[in-house]
Amino acid sequence: MHGFLIRRNGSGRLVNGRLAIAMFAVAFVCGIAVASLIPDVPQSLRQALDLAPGTAALPVAEPAGAAEPRRAKDEPEPNDAQQSVIKLSGDQIEAAGIELAAVADGALSHRITVPGTIVLHADRIARVSVKLSATVAELRKKLGDPVAKGEVIAVLESREVADAKSEYLAARLNGDLQKDLYDRDKELWDRRVTSEQQLLRSRAAVAQAKVKLDIARQKLLALGVMGNEIAALPDEPENNLSRQEVLAPMSGRVVDRKVDLGAAVGRDNLETELFTIADLDRVWIELAVSPTDLPSVREGLTVSVAAHGLTYRAIGKIVFISPMIDRETHSARVVAEIANLDGNWRPGSLVHCTVAIEERSAAVAVPASAVQSFGKGQVVFVRTSDGFEKRPVTLGQSDERISEILSGVRAGETIAVTNSFALKAEFLKGLAED
């Protein structure tokens, strides 16, 4: 029999070699089983077992909380297209308050922000004053009331105007009488009944009466009596001769009232101003521009007006730049004009104004509110047939209104321009659930 012989304890006994090898293999396998069942076996021992020739490594139980095993090379990655799309219906978009707009070109501008004050438009304000001594008999308009041009806003009682009206009526009556006398003398002259000298005297009397009538009429006009009122004087009752109606010179609102009912107004250091009427459909803004920024500001530039606590803005233009610098504030007075049809901008309010100094065009631009930071880049949310797609974009220059897009979206595509942060949150939520 061929085989290995092992000598034990020097006794000279020989043991069959094949039996020894079999016993060694059984012990080796038992050791591997014990190592796999006991998690506290040192890692060095596990590695030794794994490296043993002719044996296969057995799976080792990982302790709780261990990291997930790495994905095999051939395991598919998550679908990125699914992570970039969120499904929303038209009703859901409307309920979320998401506004949409098409990507288009735009104009980027360099801007400065300066403080300003809302003031009345100098060409849209009227101060209603009296030109005679009188007493306020009626006040038909209160503070804040709207008025129309030519509307009666007050009635005065004046002896001065009564005298002027009486003088006019007397001159008118005298003029009519002298005209009748002249017509009679002319008829007699034609029949050679009267002398030419009498005819000439009658003609001179008519001319003098006309001059007196014109003087009396001009006096009434100087006192503020309108032409149509003068024409209606012959039919006016006598007790109304002392009354004079005060008419609104323009349409607007009563923004100030100086007198009360029964107050004496007119000359001799008395109040002459009754009302202040202003048309607030357009107002001015006085801007305080520093000498440093003044060279960049010019008439016609666009101005964006905002105020603390107000969500709306107004857009206007610079209409005047003072050639002088204020001695106390060391700033120049710059006036801008804005529309105020809703009455949102009240004279006296403090505002901050953004003046567009330089502008340049951008082929593709989106509102600044449409861009959101996502990871290390920026994205916009493009409207699709079933919702929104998160689209990475490359930005160019930006201002507070719009951002230039160099790549990522094309002109004409529809994007979310408001509440885009809600879409970003929804995408992040979907990624966390995945």
Protein backbone atom coordinates (compact mmCIF):
# COMPACT_ATOMS: atom_id res chain seq x y z
CA MET A 1 0.00 0.00 0.00
CA HIS A 2 1.34 3.33 -1.05
CA GLY A 3 0.78 6.44 1.08
CA PHE A 4 2.24 8.86 3.58
CA LEU A 5 3.57 7.50 6.88
CA ILE A 6 3.59 9.73 9.98
CA ARG A 7 5.71 8.95 12.98
CA ARG A 8 3.99 9.74 16.37
CA ASN A 9 5.72 10.12 19.81
CA GLY A 10 8.83 8.40 18.67
CA SER A 11 7.23 5.01 19.20
CA GLY A 12 7.77 3.95 15.71
CA ARG A 13 4.08 3.33 15.01
CA LEU A 14 3.02 4.24 11.51
CA VAL A 15 -0.42 5.60 10.83
CA ASN A 16 -2.10 5.44 7.52
CA GLY A 17 -1.51 8.88 5.76
CA ARG A 18 -4.83 9.01 3.95
CA LEU A 19 -6.79 8.72 7.21
CA ALA A 20 -4.89 11.69 8.65
CA ILE A 21 -5.68 13.86 5.64
CA ALA A 22 -9.40 13.07 5.92
CA MET A 23 -9.48 14.00 9.58
CA PHE A 24 -7.72 17.31 8.84
CA ALA A 25 -10.32 18.24 6.17
CA VAL A 26 -13.23 17.59 8.53
CA ALA A 27 -11.67 19.84 11.16
CA PHE A 28 -11.12 22.60 8.58
CA VAL A 29 -14.74 22.59 7.43
CA CYS A 30 -15.99 22.68 11.01
CA GLY A 31 -13.84 25.72 11.67
CA ILE A 32 -15.35 27.58 8.71
CA ALA A 33 -18.90 26.82 9.93
CA VAL A 34 -18.12 28.12 13.41
CA ALA A 35 -16.60 31.32 12.01
CA SER A 36 -19.70 32.03 9.90
CA LEU A 37 -22.09 31.55 12.86
CA ILE A 38 -20.20 33.72 15.36
CA PRO A 39 -20.28 37.45 14.36
CA ASP A 40 -17.59 38.39 16.85
CA VAL A 41 -14.89 36.43 15.11
CA PRO A 42 -12.03 38.82 14.30
CA GLN A 43 -11.90 40.13 10.75
CA SER A 44 -8.34 38.92 10.35
CA LEU A 45 -9.54 35.37 11.00
CA ARG A 46 -12.35 35.72 8.46
CA GLN A 47 -9.86 36.95 5.89
CA ALA A 48 -7.61 34.05 6.65
CA LEU A 49 -10.46 31.66 6.11
CA ASP A 50 -11.43 33.32 2.88
CA LEU A 51 -7.91 33.11 1.60
CA ALA A 52 -7.59 29.43 2.39
CA PRO A 53 -6.87 27.53 -0.80
CA GLY A 54 -9.54 25.33 -2.20
CA THR A 55 -12.39 26.83 -0.13
CA ALA A 56 -15.25 29.13 -1.11
CA ALA A 57 -16.01 32.25 0.95
CA LEU A 58 -19.31 31.99 2.79
CA PRO A 59 -21.67 34.99 3.19
CA VAL A 60 -21.09 36.93 6.39
CA ALA A 61 -24.02 38.56 8.25
CA GLU A 62 -23.64 42.36 8.39
CA PRO A 63 -24.36 44.12 11.70
CA ALA A 64 -27.47 46.31 12.02
CA GLY A 65 -27.09 49.88 10.67
CA ALA A 66 -24.34 49.00 8.23
CA ALA A 67 -24.20 50.86 4.88
CA GLU A 68 -26.04 49.45 1.89
CA PRO A 69 -23.91 47.28 -0.38
CA ARG A 70 -22.60 48.96 -3.46
CA ARG A 71 -24.66 48.55 -6.63
CA ALA A 72 -23.15 46.12 -9.09
CA LYS A 73 -21.82 47.54 -12.32
CA ASP A 74 -24.59 46.00 -14.38
CA GLU A 75 -27.40 47.18 -12.03
CA PRO A 76 -29.53 49.94 -13.79
CA GLU A 77 -29.42 53.53 -12.46
CA PRO A 78 -32.66 55.29 -11.35
CA ASN A 79 -34.61 56.84 -14.21
CA ASP A 80 -33.51 60.53 -14.19
CA ALA A 81 -36.30 61.51 -16.58
CA GLN A 82 -38.87 60.34 -14.03
CA GLN A 83 -37.20 62.44 -11.31
CA SER A 84 -37.33 65.57 -13.56
CA VAL A 85 -41.07 65.55 -14.25
CA ILE A 86 -43.99 66.24 -11.94
CA LYS A 87 -47.54 65.66 -13.08
CA LEU A 88 -50.06 68.46 -12.45
CA SER A 89 -53.40 69.12 -14.10
CA GLY A 90 -54.56 72.54 -15.22
CA ASP A 91 -56.89 72.82 -12.23
CA GLN A 92 -54.08 71.94 -9.83
CA ILE A 93 -51.82 74.56 -11.41
CA GLU A 94 -54.51 77.20 -11.06
CA ALA A 95 -55.25 76.20 -7.47
CA ALA A 96 -51.55 76.48 -6.59
CA GLY A 97 -51.45 80.02 -7.97
CA ILE A 98 -48.75 79.17 -10.51
CA GLU A 99 -48.65 81.71 -13.33
CA LEU A 100 -47.30 80.76 -16.73
CA ALA A 101 -45.56 82.85 -19.38
CA ALA A 102 -43.75 82.24 -22.63
CA VAL A 103 -39.98 82.58 -22.80
CA ALA A 104 -39.12 85.67 -24.87
CA ASP A 105 -36.45 88.31 -25.33
CA GLY A 106 -35.90 91.06 -22.78
CA ALA A 107 -33.87 94.09 -21.80
CA LEU A 108 -31.31 93.99 -19.00
CA SER A 109 -30.46 97.24 -17.29
CA HIS A 110 -28.03 98.76 -14.82
CA ARG A 111 -30.00 100.50 -12.09
CA ILE A 112 -29.62 102.81 -9.12
CA THR A 113 -32.06 103.08 -6.20
CA VAL A 114 -32.78 106.48 -4.64
CA PRO A 115 -35.35 107.76 -2.13
CA GLY A 116 -38.30 109.84 -3.27
CA THR A 117 -41.44 111.64 -2.12
CA ILE A 118 -44.86 111.66 -3.80
CA VAL A 119 -46.00 115.25 -4.51
CA LEU A 120 -48.89 116.85 -6.37
CA HIS A 121 -48.50 117.30 -10.11
CA ALA A 122 -47.78 121.01 -10.55
CA ASP A 123 -49.82 121.15 -13.77
CA ARG A 124 -52.81 119.41 -12.17
CA ILE A 125 -53.51 121.57 -9.14
CA ALA A 126 -55.78 124.64 -8.81
CA ARG A 127 -56.28 127.05 -5.93
CA VAL A 128 -59.77 128.57 -5.89
CA SER A 129 -59.55 132.16 -4.65
CA VAL A 130 -61.94 135.13 -4.45
CA LYS A 131 -61.28 138.55 -5.94
CA LEU A 132 -63.66 140.66 -3.82
CA SER A 133 -64.80 141.22 -0.25
CA ALA A 134 -67.60 138.79 0.56
CA THR A 135 -69.12 136.38 3.04
CA VAL A 136 -69.33 132.62 2.46
CA ALA A 137 -73.06 131.88 2.03
CA GLU A 138 -72.82 128.25 0.84
CA LEU A 139 -70.15 125.54 0.74
CA ARG A 140 -71.32 122.84 -1.66
CA LYS A 141 -68.21 120.66 -1.52
CA LYS A 142 -66.51 118.99 1.39
CA LEU A 143 -62.93 117.88 1.79
CA GLY A 144 -62.22 114.92 -0.47
CA ASP A 145 -65.28 115.39 -2.70
CA PRO A 146 -64.81 114.95 -6.45
CA VAL A 147 -65.57 117.98 -8.59
CA ALA A 148 -66.06 118.59 -12.30
CA LYS A 149 -64.80 121.58 -14.24
CA GLY A 150 -67.36 124.41 -14.14
CA GLU A 151 -69.30 122.92 -11.21
CA VAL A 152 -70.53 125.32 -8.49
CA ILE A 153 -68.54 124.61 -5.32
CA ALA A 154 -69.46 127.68 -3.19
CA VAL A 155 -71.71 130.75 -3.14
CA LEU A 156 -70.65 134.17 -1.81
CA GLU A 157 -72.63 137.19 -0.64
CA SER A 158 -70.97 140.48 -1.63
CA ARG A 159 -72.12 144.09 -1.70
CA GLU A 160 -69.26 144.82 -4.04
CA VAL A 161 -70.52 142.41 -6.65
CA ALA A 162 -74.07 143.71 -6.19
CA ASP A 163 -72.86 147.24 -6.97
CA ALA A 164 -70.97 146.01 -10.01
CA LYS A 165 -73.99 144.12 -11.33
CA SER A 166 -76.25 147.13 -10.77
CA GLU A 167 -73.78 149.37 -12.60
CA TYR A 168 -73.72 146.96 -15.49
CA LEU A 169 -77.51 146.79 -15.70
CA ALA A 170 -77.73 150.58 -15.63
CA ALA A 171 -75.13 150.88 -18.40
CA ARG A 172 -76.95 148.28 -20.44
CA LEU A 173 -80.26 150.11 -20.03
CA ASN A 174 -78.65 153.45 -20.92
CA GLY A 175 -77.07 151.91 -23.97
CA ASP A 176 -80.41 150.60 -25.21
CA LEU A 177 -82.00 154.02 -24.66
CA GLN A 178 -79.27 155.87 -26.51
CA LYS A 179 -79.55 153.40 -29.38
CA ASP A 180 -83.28 154.09 -29.66
CA LEU A 181 -82.67 157.88 -29.65
CA TYR A 182 -80.07 157.54 -32.35
CA ASP A 183 -82.38 155.45 -34.51
CA ARG A 184 -85.13 158.11 -34.17
CA ASP A 185 -82.77 161.00 -35.01
CA LYS A 186 -81.45 159.05 -37.97
CA GLU A 187 -84.95 158.59 -39.31
CA LEU A 188 -85.68 162.33 -38.87
CA TRP A 189 -82.41 163.22 -40.56
CA ASP A 190 -83.29 161.05 -43.51
CA ARG A 191 -86.57 162.99 -43.86
CA ARG A 192 -84.68 166.24 -43.37
CA VAL A 193 -86.75 167.05 -40.28
CA THR A 194 -83.84 167.41 -37.81
CA SER A 195 -80.41 168.90 -38.08
CA GLU A 196 -77.19 167.06 -38.71
CA GLN A 197 -75.84 168.36 -35.41
CA GLN A 198 -78.55 166.53 -33.51
CA LEU A 199 -77.74 163.34 -35.37
CA LEU A 200 -74.08 163.67 -34.44
CA ARG A 201 -74.92 164.22 -30.78
CA SER A 202 -77.07 161.09 -30.75
CA ARG A 203 -74.29 159.05 -32.36
CA ALA A 204 -71.78 160.28 -29.75
CA ALA A 205 -74.18 159.39 -26.92
CA VAL A 206 -74.51 155.85 -28.29
CA ALA A 207 -70.73 155.48 -28.40
CA GLN A 208 -70.35 156.74 -24.83
CA ALA A 209 -73.06 154.36 -23.58
CA LYS A 210 -71.31 151.45 -25.26
CA VAL A 211 -68.01 152.36 -23.60
CA LYS A 212 -69.67 152.50 -20.17
CA LEU A 213 -71.33 149.14 -20.78
CA ASP A 214 -68.02 147.56 -21.76
CA ILE A 215 -66.34 148.99 -18.65
CA ALA A 216 -69.11 147.64 -16.40
CA ARG A 217 -68.83 144.22 -18.07
CA GLN A 218 -65.05 144.10 -17.64
CA LYS A 219 -65.45 145.00 -13.98
CA LEU A 220 -67.76 142.02 -13.46
CA LEU A 221 -65.35 139.72 -15.24
CA ALA A 222 -62.53 140.99 -13.01
CA LEU A 223 -64.63 140.13 -9.96
CA GLY A 224 -65.02 136.57 -11.17
CA VAL A 225 -68.48 136.74 -12.73
CA MET A 226 -68.60 134.52 -15.81
CA GLY A 227 -69.79 135.69 -19.24
CA ASN A 228 -72.91 133.51 -19.22
CA GLU A 229 -73.83 134.91 -15.82
CA ILE A 230 -73.45 138.44 -17.14
CA ALA A 231 -75.68 137.66 -20.09
CA ALA A 232 -78.37 136.32 -17.74
CA LEU A 233 -78.30 139.35 -15.39
CA PRO A 234 -81.35 141.14 -16.92
CA ASP A 235 -83.52 138.13 -16.01
CA GLU A 236 -82.00 137.55 -12.55
CA PRO A 237 -84.12 138.42 -9.47
CA GLU A 238 -82.98 141.49 -7.56
CA ASN A 239 -82.32 139.56 -4.35
CA ASN A 240 -79.71 137.46 -6.22
CA LEU A 241 -77.64 140.41 -7.35
CA SER A 242 -75.38 140.13 -4.28
CA ARG A 243 -74.76 136.42 -4.76
CA GLN A 244 -71.81 135.12 -6.70
CA GLU A 245 -71.21 131.48 -7.57
CA VAL A 246 -67.69 130.09 -7.30
CA LEU A 247 -66.96 127.55 -10.05
CA ALA A 248 -64.36 124.78 -10.12
CA PRO A 249 -61.62 125.70 -12.62
CA MET A 250 -60.71 122.05 -13.25
CA SER A 251 -61.83 118.51 -12.55
CA GLY A 252 -60.34 116.66 -9.60
CA ARG A 253 -60.81 116.29 -5.87
CA VAL A 254 -60.99 118.82 -3.06
CA VAL A 255 -57.71 118.24 -1.19
CA ASP A 256 -57.88 121.34 1.03
CA ARG A 257 -60.56 123.75 2.29
CA LYS A 258 -59.51 127.02 3.90
CA VAL A 259 -62.81 128.59 5.08
CA ASP A 260 -66.01 127.73 6.92
CA LEU A 261 -69.60 128.73 6.35
CA GLY A 262 -70.17 132.45 7.11
CA ALA A 263 -66.48 133.34 7.01
CA ALA A 264 -65.48 136.78 5.71
CA VAL A 265 -63.11 136.52 2.78
CA GLY A 266 -61.44 138.85 0.34
CA ARG A 267 -59.32 141.92 0.79
CA ASP A 268 -57.99 143.72 3.88
CA ASN A 269 -55.82 140.83 5.14
CA LEU A 270 -58.70 138.35 4.92
CA GLU A 271 -58.41 134.82 3.52
CA THR A 272 -58.69 134.82 -0.25
CA GLU A 273 -58.22 131.09 -0.93
CA LEU A 274 -61.30 128.90 -0.54
CA PHE A 275 -60.35 125.45 -1.88
CA THR A 276 -57.45 123.52 -3.35
CA ILE A 277 -58.43 121.13 -6.13
CA ALA A 278 -56.02 118.51 -7.44
CA ASP A 279 -56.22 115.97 -10.22
CA LEU A 280 -54.58 112.88 -8.72
CA ASP A 281 -54.75 110.74 -11.85
CA ARG A 282 -51.09 111.60 -12.34
CA VAL A 283 -48.60 112.58 -9.63
CA TRP A 284 -44.98 113.61 -9.41
CA ILE A 285 -42.13 112.00 -7.47
CA GLU A 286 -39.26 114.14 -6.26
CA LEU A 287 -36.09 112.02 -6.30
CA ALA A 288 -32.97 112.88 -4.30
CA VAL A 289 -30.09 111.91 -6.60
CA SER A 290 -26.54 112.22 -5.32
CA PRO A 291 -23.98 114.21 -7.32
CA THR A 292 -22.13 110.95 -8.00
CA ASP A 293 -25.09 109.39 -9.81
CA LEU A 294 -26.35 112.61 -11.38
CA PRO A 295 -24.19 112.39 -14.56
CA SER A 296 -25.83 109.04 -15.38
CA VAL A 297 -29.39 110.33 -14.97
CA ARG A 298 -31.19 112.04 -17.82
CA GLU A 299 -34.72 113.00 -18.75
CA GLY A 300 -36.78 110.21 -20.28
CA LEU A 301 -35.24 107.36 -18.25
CA THR A 302 -37.61 104.74 -16.84
CA VAL A 303 -38.29 104.77 -13.09
CA SER A 304 -39.77 101.89 -11.06
CA VAL A 305 -41.51 103.09 -7.88
CA ALA A 306 -42.18 100.97 -4.78
CA ALA A 307 -42.94 101.57 -1.12
CA HIS A 308 -42.54 99.59 2.12
CA GLY A 309 -45.62 97.54 2.87
CA LEU A 310 -47.05 97.83 -0.66
CA THR A 311 -47.09 94.93 -3.09
CA TYR A 312 -47.78 96.95 -6.22
CA ARG A 313 -45.32 99.05 -8.22
CA ALA A 314 -45.59 101.93 -10.66
CA ILE A 315 -43.56 102.69 -13.77
CA GLY A 316 -42.89 106.27 -14.83
CA LYS A 317 -40.36 108.51 -16.55
CA ILE A 318 -38.08 111.33 -15.47
CA VAL A 319 -39.51 114.65 -16.71
CA PHE A 320 -37.22 117.22 -15.07
CA ILE A 321 -33.67 117.45 -13.71
CA SER A 322 -32.70 120.54 -11.75
CA PRO A 323 -29.58 122.30 -13.00
CA MET A 324 -28.71 123.21 -9.37
CA ILE A 325 -27.55 121.21 -6.35
CA ASP A 326 -29.36 121.73 -3.06
CA ARG A 327 -27.11 123.58 -0.62
CA GLU A 328 -28.26 121.59 2.43
CA THR A 329 -28.72 118.06 1.08
CA HIS A 330 -26.04 118.29 -1.62
CA SER A 331 -28.35 116.42 -3.99
CA ALA A 332 -30.12 117.41 -7.19
CA ARG A 333 -33.91 117.59 -7.51
CA VAL A 334 -35.10 115.09 -10.08
CA VAL A 335 -38.81 114.84 -10.90
CA ALA A 336 -40.51 111.73 -12.30
CA GLU A 337 -44.14 111.37 -13.36
CA ILE A 338 -46.34 108.28 -12.83
CA ALA A 339 -49.97 107.37 -13.43
CA ASN A 340 -52.23 107.14 -10.38
CA LEU A 341 -55.65 106.18 -11.73
CA ASP A 342 -56.38 103.94 -8.73
CA GLY A 343 -55.25 106.54 -6.20
CA ASN A 344 -52.68 104.18 -4.67
CA TRP A 345 -49.91 106.79 -4.54
CA ARG A 346 -50.78 109.52 -2.04
CA PRO A 347 -48.92 112.84 -2.02
CA GLY A 348 -46.54 113.02 0.93
CA SER A 349 -45.71 109.30 0.91
CA LEU A 350 -42.06 108.21 1.03
CA VAL A 351 -41.03 105.75 -1.70
CA HIS A 352 -37.88 104.21 -3.13
CA CYS A 353 -37.28 104.49 -6.84
CA THR A 354 -35.15 102.40 -9.15
CA VAL A 355 -33.79 104.25 -12.17
CA ALA A 356 -32.71 102.25 -15.22
CA ILE A 357 -29.36 103.79 -16.21
CA GLU A 358 -28.18 101.48 -19.00
CA GLU A 359 -30.04 98.82 -20.95
CA ARG A 360 -29.04 96.02 -23.28
CA SER A 361 -31.13 93.39 -25.03
CA ALA A 362 -31.12 89.65 -24.28
CA ALA A 363 -32.26 87.14 -26.90
CA VAL A 364 -33.73 84.77 -24.29
CA ALA A 365 -34.79 86.02 -20.86
CA VAL A 366 -37.13 84.90 -18.08
CA PRO A 367 -38.47 86.65 -14.97
CA ALA A 368 -36.13 86.35 -12.00
CA SER A 369 -38.89 84.64 -10.02
CA ALA A 370 -38.90 81.74 -12.51
CA VAL A 371 -35.32 80.65 -11.68
CA GLN A 372 -34.64 78.34 -8.72
CA SER A 373 -31.36 76.99 -7.34
CA PHE A 374 -31.22 73.21 -7.50
CA GLY A 375 -28.10 71.51 -6.24
CA LYS A 376 -25.11 73.32 -7.68
CA GLY A 377 -27.03 74.86 -10.60
CA GLN A 378 -30.19 76.71 -11.56
CA VAL A 379 -33.36 75.35 -13.11
CA VAL A 380 -36.65 76.55 -14.53
CA PHE A 381 -39.87 74.58 -14.70
CA VAL A 382 -41.12 74.06 -18.24
CA ARG A 383 -44.80 73.34 -18.81
CA THR A 384 -45.47 69.99 -20.46
CA SER A 385 -48.65 68.26 -21.55
CA ASP A 386 -49.09 66.60 -18.17
CA GLY A 387 -47.25 68.87 -15.73
CA PHE A 388 -43.80 70.46 -15.41
CA GLU A 389 -40.30 69.43 -16.36
CA LYS A 390 -37.30 70.54 -14.29
CA ARG A 391 -34.92 72.00 -16.86
CA PRO A 392 -31.33 72.96 -15.95
CA VAL A 393 -30.32 76.32 -17.44
CA THR A 394 -27.18 78.38 -17.84
CA LEU A 395 -27.62 81.98 -16.75
CA GLY A 396 -26.05 85.08 -18.21
CA GLN A 397 -26.44 88.55 -16.76
CA SER A 398 -29.35 89.38 -14.46
CA ASP A 399 -31.02 92.32 -12.79
CA GLU A 400 -33.78 92.40 -10.18
CA ARG A 401 -36.44 91.84 -12.85
CA ILE A 402 -35.19 89.31 -15.39
CA SER A 403 -32.38 86.83 -15.98
CA GLU A 404 -30.67 86.13 -19.28
CA ILE A 405 -30.71 82.45 -20.36
CA LEU A 406 -27.71 81.24 -22.36
CA SER A 407 -28.86 77.63 -22.69
CA GLY A 408 -31.51 75.26 -21.39
CA VAL A 409 -34.74 76.73 -22.76
CA ARG A 410 -35.82 78.24 -26.06
CA ALA A 411 -37.91 81.27 -26.88
CA GLY A 412 -41.58 80.34 -27.06
CA GLU A 413 -41.51 77.61 -24.40
CA THR A 414 -43.96 78.07 -21.53
CA ILE A 415 -42.54 78.18 -18.00
CA ALA A 416 -43.76 78.81 -14.45
CA VAL A 417 -43.01 82.41 -13.46
CA THR A 418 -44.62 82.56 -10.00
CA ASN A 419 -44.66 80.10 -7.09
CA SER A 420 -41.84 78.17 -8.74
CA PHE A 421 -40.45 77.47 -5.25
CA ALA A 422 -43.50 75.30 -4.61
CA LEU A 423 -42.59 73.22 -7.66
CA LYS A 424 -39.01 72.93 -6.40
CA ALA A 425 -40.30 71.68 -3.03
CA GLU A 426 -42.50 69.14 -4.77
CA PHE A 427 -39.56 67.79 -6.77
CA LEU A 428 -37.43 67.50 -3.62
CA LYS A 429 -40.27 65.68 -1.89
CA GLY A 430 -40.51 63.20 -4.77
CA LEU A 431 -36.76 62.55 -4.65
CA ALA A 432 -36.90 61.93 -0.87
CA GLU A 433 -39.73 59.42 -1.30
CA ASP A 434 -37.78 57.57 -4.00
